[in-house]
N, C-alpha and C. Protein backbone atom coordinates (compact mmCIF):
# COMPACT_ATOMS: atom_id res chain seq x y z
N MET A 1 19.46 23.29 -13.14
CA MET A 1 18.57 22.41 -12.31
C MET A 1 17.15 23.06 -11.44
N VAL A 2 16.17 22.55 -11.76
CA VAL A 2 14.90 22.77 -11.23
C VAL A 2 14.77 21.65 -9.90
N THR A 3 14.71 21.84 -8.75
CA THR A 3 14.62 21.30 -7.63
C THR A 3 13.17 21.33 -6.94
N PHE A 4 12.70 20.40 -6.51
CA PHE A 4 11.31 20.66 -6.14
C PHE A 4 11.13 19.91 -4.46
N PRO A 5 10.49 20.47 -3.75
CA PRO A 5 10.25 19.92 -2.50
C PRO A 5 9.93 18.24 -2.31
N ALA A 6 10.32 17.30 -1.55
CA ALA A 6 10.42 15.97 -1.50
C ALA A 6 8.56 15.74 -1.84
N SER A 7 7.55 16.49 -1.15
CA SER A 7 6.26 16.15 -1.43
C SER A 7 6.02 16.03 -2.93
N ARG A 8 6.73 17.23 -3.36
CA ARG A 8 5.98 17.66 -4.60
C ARG A 8 6.49 16.46 -5.44
N ARG A 9 8.18 16.11 -5.47
CA ARG A 9 8.68 15.21 -6.56
C ARG A 9 8.01 13.67 -6.18
N LEU A 10 7.34 13.34 -4.86
CA LEU A 10 6.55 12.03 -5.36
C LEU A 10 5.14 12.78 -6.22
N ARG A 11 4.69 13.43 -6.23
CA ARG A 11 3.77 13.56 -7.20
C ARG A 11 4.26 13.83 -8.95
N LEU A 12 5.31 13.80 -9.05
CA LEU A 12 5.87 14.03 -10.52
C LEU A 12 5.61 12.58 -11.12
N GLY A 13 4.64 12.71 -12.01
CA GLY A 13 4.48 11.32 -12.58
C GLY A 13 3.55 10.75 -12.40
N ARG A 14 2.62 11.44 -11.43
CA ARG A 14 1.25 10.41 -10.62
C ARG A 14 0.03 11.00 -11.43
N VAL A 15 -0.04 10.21 -12.28
CA VAL A 15 -1.34 10.51 -13.19
C VAL A 15 -2.62 9.62 -12.74
N SER A 16 -3.69 10.52 -12.70
CA SER A 16 -5.04 9.62 -12.47
C SER A 16 -5.64 9.43 -13.57
N ARG A 17 -6.01 8.15 -13.48
CA ARG A 17 -6.93 7.76 -15.07
C ARG A 17 -8.13 7.33 -14.60
N PRO A 18 -9.22 7.69 -15.07
CA PRO A 18 -10.55 7.49 -14.88
C PRO A 18 -11.04 5.87 -15.34
N GLY A 19 -11.76 5.38 -14.74
CA GLY A 19 -12.07 3.82 -14.92
C GLY A 19 -11.03 3.09 -13.97
N THR A 20 -9.81 3.54 -13.45
CA THR A 20 -8.72 2.66 -12.75
C THR A 20 -9.24 2.61 -11.21
N ILE A 21 -9.07 1.71 -10.34
CA ILE A 21 -9.31 1.53 -9.01
C ILE A 21 -8.05 1.68 -8.64
N TYR A 22 -8.02 2.33 -7.76
CA TYR A 22 -6.43 2.94 -6.50
C TYR A 22 -6.84 2.27 -5.22
N LEU A 23 -5.61 1.51 -4.76
CA LEU A 23 -5.81 1.28 -3.40
C LEU A 23 -5.17 2.45 -2.80
N LEU A 24 -5.57 3.08 -1.80
CA LEU A 24 -4.94 4.10 -0.92
C LEU A 24 -5.00 3.95 0.62
N THR A 25 -4.09 4.63 0.92
CA THR A 25 -3.54 4.44 2.21
C THR A 25 -2.75 6.13 3.01
N THR A 26 -3.60 6.32 4.06
CA THR A 26 -3.12 7.66 4.50
C THR A 26 -3.07 7.39 5.97
N THR A 27 -2.15 8.21 6.60
CA THR A 27 -2.03 7.84 8.30
C THR A 27 -2.24 9.02 9.16
N THR A 28 -2.84 8.83 10.29
CA THR A 28 -2.93 9.81 11.21
C THR A 28 -1.79 10.77 11.67
N TRP A 29 -2.02 11.77 12.02
CA TRP A 29 -1.03 12.76 12.17
C TRP A 29 -0.12 12.03 13.18
N ASN A 30 1.07 12.28 13.03
CA ASN A 30 2.22 11.56 14.14
C ASN A 30 1.71 10.23 14.67
N ARG A 31 0.97 9.11 13.49
CA ARG A 31 0.64 8.25 13.93
C ARG A 31 -0.45 7.84 14.96
N ALA A 32 -0.76 8.77 15.54
CA ALA A 32 -1.63 8.99 16.71
C ALA A 32 -2.64 7.85 16.64
N ARG A 33 -3.12 6.95 17.38
CA ARG A 33 -4.08 6.15 17.68
C ARG A 33 -5.54 6.82 17.85
N LEU A 34 -5.91 7.41 17.20
CA LEU A 34 -7.01 8.40 17.23
C LEU A 34 -8.14 7.69 17.14
N PHE A 35 -8.37 6.58 16.09
CA PHE A 35 -9.48 5.95 15.84
C PHE A 35 -9.60 4.81 17.07
N ARG A 36 -9.17 4.59 18.21
CA ARG A 36 -9.51 3.56 19.09
C ARG A 36 -10.51 4.14 19.78
N ASP A 37 -10.68 5.73 19.72
CA ASP A 37 -11.91 6.37 20.27
C ASP A 37 -12.85 5.88 18.99
N HIS A 38 -14.14 5.25 19.92
CA HIS A 38 -15.39 4.63 18.68
C HIS A 38 -16.17 6.08 18.16
N ASP A 39 -16.32 7.02 19.31
CA ASP A 39 -17.01 7.93 18.45
C ASP A 39 -16.30 8.70 16.92
N CYS A 40 -14.95 8.75 17.12
CA CYS A 40 -14.08 9.32 16.18
C CYS A 40 -14.27 8.32 15.02
N ALA A 41 -14.30 7.03 15.59
CA ALA A 41 -13.93 6.35 14.04
C ALA A 41 -15.49 5.89 13.73
N ARG A 42 -16.71 5.68 14.54
CA ARG A 42 -17.90 6.00 13.60
C ARG A 42 -18.32 7.23 13.16
N ALA A 43 -17.62 8.23 13.20
CA ALA A 43 -18.00 9.36 12.58
C ALA A 43 -17.32 9.26 11.14
N VAL A 44 -16.03 8.60 11.03
CA VAL A 44 -15.02 8.53 9.99
C VAL A 44 -15.52 7.33 8.96
N ALA A 45 -16.12 6.42 9.42
CA ALA A 45 -16.75 5.22 9.21
C ALA A 45 -17.96 5.62 8.43
N ARG A 46 -18.86 6.45 8.94
CA ARG A 46 -20.20 7.25 8.43
C ARG A 46 -19.81 7.97 6.70
N LEU A 47 -18.71 8.67 6.55
CA LEU A 47 -18.20 9.28 5.69
C LEU A 47 -17.76 8.44 4.66
N CYS A 48 -17.17 7.33 4.63
CA CYS A 48 -16.69 6.26 3.69
C CYS A 48 -17.16 5.95 2.92
N HIS A 49 -18.74 5.69 2.84
CA HIS A 49 -19.54 5.30 1.66
C HIS A 49 -20.57 6.39 1.30
N ALA A 50 -20.45 7.26 1.92
CA ALA A 50 -21.40 8.65 1.46
C ALA A 50 -20.79 9.22 0.18
N GLU A 51 -22.10 9.63 -0.48
CA GLU A 51 -21.65 9.95 -1.95
C GLU A 51 -21.30 11.26 -1.74
N ARG A 52 -21.44 12.35 -0.73
CA ARG A 52 -20.94 13.42 -0.77
C ARG A 52 -19.32 13.33 -0.56
N THR A 53 -18.86 12.66 -0.20
CA THR A 53 -17.19 12.52 0.23
C THR A 53 -16.78 12.15 -1.14
N TRP A 54 -17.27 11.22 -2.10
CA TRP A 54 -16.49 10.94 -3.15
C TRP A 54 -17.13 11.46 -4.29
N PRO A 55 -17.33 12.81 -4.77
CA PRO A 55 -17.90 12.96 -6.20
C PRO A 55 -16.71 12.76 -7.08
N GLY A 56 -17.17 11.81 -7.87
CA GLY A 56 -16.10 11.74 -9.22
C GLY A 56 -15.33 10.21 -8.77
N ALA A 57 -15.96 9.44 -7.89
CA ALA A 57 -15.05 8.51 -7.59
C ALA A 57 -16.52 7.59 -6.75
N THR A 58 -16.41 6.22 -6.48
CA THR A 58 -16.84 5.40 -5.78
C THR A 58 -16.02 4.40 -4.93
N CYS A 59 -16.39 5.17 -3.46
CA CYS A 59 -15.26 4.11 -2.42
C CYS A 59 -16.07 2.25 -2.49
N LEU A 60 -15.53 1.43 -3.05
CA LEU A 60 -15.45 0.23 -3.05
C LEU A 60 -14.93 -0.57 -1.84
N ALA A 61 -14.27 -0.46 -0.97
CA ALA A 61 -13.60 -1.00 0.20
C ALA A 61 -12.84 -0.18 0.99
N TRP A 62 -13.05 -0.17 2.37
CA TRP A 62 -12.23 0.29 2.95
C TRP A 62 -12.04 -0.22 4.84
N VAL A 63 -10.85 0.14 5.42
CA VAL A 63 -11.09 -0.10 6.74
C VAL A 63 -10.15 0.79 7.62
N LEU A 64 -10.69 1.13 8.58
CA LEU A 64 -10.33 2.26 9.80
C LEU A 64 -9.65 1.85 10.52
N MET A 65 -8.20 1.87 10.45
CA MET A 65 -7.57 1.07 11.72
C MET A 65 -7.42 2.26 12.86
N PRO A 66 -6.70 2.19 13.91
CA PRO A 66 -6.56 3.03 14.72
C PRO A 66 -5.72 4.14 14.50
N ASP A 67 -4.49 3.99 13.71
CA ASP A 67 -3.86 4.98 12.72
C ASP A 67 -3.66 5.16 11.41
N HIS A 68 -4.84 4.83 11.07
CA HIS A 68 -4.52 4.84 9.27
C HIS A 68 -5.85 4.35 8.55
N TRP A 69 -5.69 4.73 7.23
CA TRP A 69 -7.23 4.32 6.64
C TRP A 69 -6.44 3.85 5.27
N HIS A 70 -7.23 2.63 4.86
CA HIS A 70 -6.93 1.96 3.82
C HIS A 70 -8.24 2.17 3.02
N GLY A 71 -8.38 2.32 1.71
CA GLY A 71 -9.43 2.52 0.87
C GLY A 71 -9.37 2.10 -0.65
N LEU A 72 -10.24 1.22 -1.41
CA LEU A 72 -10.25 1.31 -2.46
C LEU A 72 -11.15 1.92 -3.20
N ILE A 73 -10.51 2.90 -4.34
CA ILE A 73 -11.80 4.19 -5.08
C ILE A 73 -11.76 3.49 -6.34
N GLU A 74 -12.86 3.62 -6.96
CA GLU A 74 -12.69 3.65 -8.20
C GLU A 74 -13.01 4.89 -8.73
N LEU A 75 -11.95 5.48 -9.36
CA LEU A 75 -12.18 7.02 -10.09
C LEU A 75 -12.92 7.49 -11.60
N HIS A 76 -14.22 8.28 -11.62
CA HIS A 76 -14.85 8.13 -12.24
C HIS A 76 -14.42 9.43 -13.47
N ASP A 77 -13.83 10.40 -12.65
CA ASP A 77 -13.38 11.68 -13.03
C ASP A 77 -13.01 12.44 -12.30
N GLY A 78 -11.61 13.58 -12.49
CA GLY A 78 -10.90 14.39 -11.39
C GLY A 78 -9.91 13.42 -11.29
N GLU A 79 -9.26 13.84 -9.93
CA GLU A 79 -7.83 13.22 -9.72
C GLU A 79 -7.60 12.92 -8.50
N VAL A 80 -7.09 11.58 -8.24
CA VAL A 80 -7.42 10.97 -6.91
C VAL A 80 -6.75 11.98 -6.18
N ALA A 81 -5.85 12.71 -6.20
CA ALA A 81 -5.44 13.66 -5.02
C ALA A 81 -6.33 14.76 -4.61
N SER A 82 -7.43 14.96 -5.49
CA SER A 82 -8.47 15.63 -4.82
C SER A 82 -9.62 14.90 -4.12
N ALA A 83 -9.66 13.65 -4.59
CA ALA A 83 -10.85 12.58 -3.76
C ALA A 83 -10.34 12.30 -2.75
N MET A 84 -8.71 11.95 -2.26
CA MET A 84 -8.17 11.79 -0.70
C MET A 84 -8.42 13.25 -0.09
N ARG A 85 -8.27 14.54 -0.40
CA ARG A 85 -8.09 15.83 -0.28
C ARG A 85 -9.60 15.88 0.83
N ARG A 86 -10.24 15.57 0.00
CA ARG A 86 -11.83 15.83 0.26
C ARG A 86 -12.19 15.02 1.58
N PHE A 87 -12.01 13.67 1.24
CA PHE A 87 -12.19 12.65 2.43
C PHE A 87 -11.30 12.79 3.72
N LYS A 88 -10.30 13.13 3.89
CA LYS A 88 -9.26 13.81 4.46
C LYS A 88 -9.91 14.86 5.26
N SER A 89 -10.33 16.13 4.66
CA SER A 89 -11.09 17.41 5.32
C SER A 89 -12.19 17.27 5.57
N LEU A 90 -13.15 15.93 5.10
CA LEU A 90 -14.48 16.08 5.83
C LEU A 90 -14.06 15.11 6.82
N ALA A 91 -13.27 14.10 7.31
CA ALA A 91 -13.10 13.43 8.26
C ALA A 91 -12.28 14.16 9.52
N THR A 92 -11.51 15.21 9.05
CA THR A 92 -10.90 16.11 10.06
C THR A 92 -11.74 17.14 10.70
N LYS A 93 -12.77 17.26 9.87
CA LYS A 93 -13.92 18.31 10.55
C LYS A 93 -14.91 17.61 11.60
N GLU A 94 -15.35 16.44 11.39
CA GLU A 94 -16.07 15.80 11.86
C GLU A 94 -15.18 15.34 13.34
N VAL A 95 -14.00 15.07 13.01
CA VAL A 95 -13.38 14.50 14.21
C VAL A 95 -13.31 15.82 15.20
N ASN A 96 -12.77 16.52 14.50
CA ASN A 96 -12.68 18.17 15.33
C ASN A 96 -14.03 18.42 16.02
N ARG A 97 -14.74 18.82 15.25
CA ARG A 97 -16.00 18.79 15.91
C ARG A 97 -16.41 17.90 17.03
N LEU A 98 -16.20 16.99 16.87
CA LEU A 98 -16.73 15.41 17.82
C LEU A 98 -15.95 15.98 19.16
N LYS A 99 -14.70 16.42 18.79
CA LYS A 99 -13.78 16.38 19.98
C LYS A 99 -13.43 17.94 20.55
N ARG A 100 -14.06 18.76 20.21
CA ARG A 100 -14.24 20.11 20.10
C ARG A 100 -12.71 20.75 20.38
N ARG A 101 -11.65 20.49 19.08
CA ARG A 101 -10.40 20.52 18.97
C ARG A 101 -10.54 21.61 17.94
N ARG A 102 -9.00 22.17 17.36
CA ARG A 102 -8.43 22.40 15.88
C ARG A 102 -7.12 21.87 15.63
N SER A 103 -7.22 20.59 15.66
CA SER A 103 -5.91 19.88 15.05
C SER A 103 -5.99 19.04 14.30
N PRO A 104 -4.59 18.60 13.84
CA PRO A 104 -4.15 17.87 12.16
C PRO A 104 -4.79 16.50 12.95
N VAL A 105 -5.56 15.86 11.93
CA VAL A 105 -6.10 14.64 11.85
C VAL A 105 -5.13 13.33 10.88
N TRP A 106 -4.81 14.04 9.83
CA TRP A 106 -3.82 13.19 9.14
C TRP A 106 -2.61 13.88 8.84
N GLN A 107 -1.57 12.68 8.58
CA GLN A 107 -0.36 13.66 7.81
C GLN A 107 -0.62 14.04 6.57
N LYS A 108 0.46 14.73 5.85
CA LYS A 108 0.29 15.32 4.88
C LYS A 108 0.45 13.78 3.60
N GLY A 109 -0.18 14.09 2.57
CA GLY A 109 -0.02 13.10 1.63
C GLY A 109 -0.93 11.88 1.86
N PHE A 110 -0.28 11.04 0.90
CA PHE A 110 -1.11 9.89 0.80
C PHE A 110 -0.22 8.76 0.08
N HIS A 111 -0.45 7.52 0.12
CA HIS A 111 0.08 6.51 -0.79
C HIS A 111 -1.21 5.88 -1.92
N ASP A 112 -0.59 5.77 -2.98
CA ASP A 112 -1.54 5.58 -3.72
C ASP A 112 -1.20 4.33 -4.84
N ALA A 113 -1.68 3.32 -5.24
CA ALA A 113 -1.60 2.32 -6.28
C ALA A 113 -2.27 2.29 -7.03
N GLY A 114 -2.56 2.25 -8.65
CA GLY A 114 -3.59 1.90 -9.69
C GLY A 114 -3.57 0.26 -9.66
N LEU A 115 -4.62 -0.55 -9.64
CA LEU A 115 -4.74 -1.45 -9.87
C LEU A 115 -5.04 -2.11 -11.45
N ARG A 116 -4.20 -2.95 -11.66
CA ARG A 116 -4.55 -3.70 -13.07
C ARG A 116 -5.51 -4.34 -13.67
N SER A 117 -6.21 -5.22 -13.02
CA SER A 117 -7.34 -6.02 -12.97
C SER A 117 -8.13 -6.30 -11.93
N ASP A 118 -9.03 -7.03 -12.34
CA ASP A 118 -10.34 -7.54 -11.41
C ASP A 118 -9.71 -8.55 -10.66
N ALA A 119 -8.99 -9.17 -10.58
CA ALA A 119 -8.14 -9.89 -9.78
C ALA A 119 -7.13 -9.40 -8.79
N ASP A 120 -6.83 -8.38 -9.01
CA ASP A 120 -5.66 -7.62 -8.46
C ASP A 120 -7.04 -7.06 -7.29
N VAL A 121 -8.13 -6.21 -7.91
CA VAL A 121 -8.94 -5.68 -6.97
C VAL A 121 -9.65 -6.71 -5.92
N ARG A 122 -10.15 -7.64 -6.18
CA ARG A 122 -10.53 -8.69 -5.05
C ARG A 122 -9.31 -8.88 -4.14
N ALA A 123 -8.30 -9.33 -4.79
CA ALA A 123 -7.34 -9.65 -3.47
C ALA A 123 -6.96 -8.40 -2.87
N ALA A 124 -7.01 -7.14 -3.28
CA ALA A 124 -6.77 -6.24 -2.37
C ALA A 124 -7.60 -5.71 -1.52
N ALA A 125 -9.01 -5.82 -1.77
CA ALA A 125 -9.98 -6.08 -1.11
C ALA A 125 -10.05 -6.68 0.20
N ARG A 126 -9.55 -7.85 -0.18
CA ARG A 126 -9.27 -9.33 0.90
C ARG A 126 -8.12 -8.73 1.67
N TYR A 127 -6.96 -8.27 1.18
CA TYR A 127 -5.61 -8.07 2.10
C TYR A 127 -6.43 -6.59 2.79
N LEU A 128 -7.14 -5.67 2.20
CA LEU A 128 -7.43 -4.60 2.95
C LEU A 128 -8.14 -4.78 4.43
N VAL A 129 -9.48 -5.67 4.30
CA VAL A 129 -10.32 -5.72 5.08
C VAL A 129 -9.68 -6.78 6.09
N ALA A 130 -8.74 -7.61 5.90
CA ALA A 130 -7.94 -8.54 6.79
C ALA A 130 -6.94 -7.82 7.84
N ASN A 131 -6.53 -6.58 7.48
CA ASN A 131 -5.77 -5.56 8.27
C ASN A 131 -6.15 -5.87 9.88
N PRO A 132 -6.76 -5.45 10.36
CA PRO A 132 -7.27 -5.75 11.76
C PRO A 132 -6.83 -6.83 12.31
N VAL A 133 -7.13 -8.50 11.74
CA VAL A 133 -6.63 -9.67 11.97
C VAL A 133 -5.02 -9.71 11.87
N ARG A 134 -4.32 -9.10 11.02
CA ARG A 134 -3.00 -9.24 10.86
C ARG A 134 -2.53 -8.44 12.07
N ALA A 135 -2.96 -7.19 12.07
CA ALA A 135 -2.80 -6.31 13.65
C ALA A 135 -3.08 -6.83 14.69
N GLY A 136 -3.53 -7.96 15.11
CA GLY A 136 -3.73 -8.58 16.25
C GLY A 136 -4.95 -7.75 17.07
N LEU A 137 -5.94 -6.98 16.33
CA LEU A 137 -6.96 -6.26 16.90
C LEU A 137 -8.10 -7.24 17.22
N VAL A 138 -8.30 -8.06 16.27
CA VAL A 138 -9.64 -9.15 16.67
C VAL A 138 -8.95 -10.62 15.81
N GLY A 139 -9.94 -11.44 16.41
CA GLY A 139 -9.37 -12.64 15.73
C GLY A 139 -10.04 -12.93 14.11
N ARG A 140 -11.32 -12.50 13.97
CA ARG A 140 -11.88 -12.46 12.94
C ARG A 140 -12.29 -11.34 12.27
N VAL A 141 -12.07 -11.25 10.72
CA VAL A 141 -12.44 -9.69 10.07
C VAL A 141 -13.70 -9.41 10.45
N ASN A 142 -14.81 -10.22 10.95
CA ASN A 142 -16.39 -9.53 11.20
C ASN A 142 -16.48 -9.24 12.26
N ASP A 143 -15.37 -9.20 13.09
CA ASP A 143 -15.07 -8.95 15.09
C ASP A 143 -14.93 -7.58 14.79
N TYR A 144 -14.17 -7.01 13.71
CA TYR A 144 -13.90 -5.50 13.50
C TYR A 144 -14.98 -4.32 13.20
N PRO A 145 -15.46 -3.80 13.89
CA PRO A 145 -16.36 -2.66 13.09
C PRO A 145 -16.12 -1.81 11.97
N TYR A 146 -15.26 -1.39 12.10
CA TYR A 146 -14.81 -0.48 11.11
C TYR A 146 -14.22 -0.71 9.58
N TRP A 147 -15.21 -1.35 8.86
CA TRP A 147 -14.54 -1.84 7.53
C TRP A 147 -15.88 -2.18 6.79
N ASN A 148 -15.92 -1.80 5.71
CA ASN A 148 -17.26 -2.44 4.56
C ASN A 148 -16.35 -2.73 2.92
N ALA A 149 -17.11 -3.22 2.57
CA ALA A 149 -16.84 -3.51 1.18
C ALA A 149 -18.08 -3.47 0.21
N VAL A 150 -18.12 -3.22 -1.24
CA VAL A 150 -19.39 -3.28 -1.55
C VAL A 150 -19.84 -4.67 -2.17
N TRP A 151 -18.94 -5.54 -2.08
CA TRP A 151 -19.04 -6.60 -2.50
C TRP A 151 -19.82 -7.67 -1.59
N LEU A 152 -20.27 -7.28 -0.54
CA LEU A 152 -20.82 -7.72 0.58
C LEU A 152 -22.68 -7.48 0.38
């Protein structure tokens, strides 16, 4: 019997399908509240819709919380894992450059869920951008600066 490390077992059966919209979540290293720092949060926010961040995909909506990031991406080609790896790598480089450090920014891995219909996409976007309100960071979605959606 072949055994795999836990992180590899999670990827078994994971399939990336072009044309599918994925809800993605990744957390900061040790759940550090790194993005309470506005300079770090602004740097990562700039990357979220930058074309260079998502070759082969389009970022439709995102929210950057103090200790995690949620996004909705539409995959055009390639793998979801490659898209997330690129985003996390670019964000890490920006944060470490700003803070003049060499430390991990993100936990290894991420959570993804492929969405099935347009109704699921809109519901996921509303859920995602309301995260700061549910977390008690702000009273209204528009009061939180680190989110965006293409439908605006």
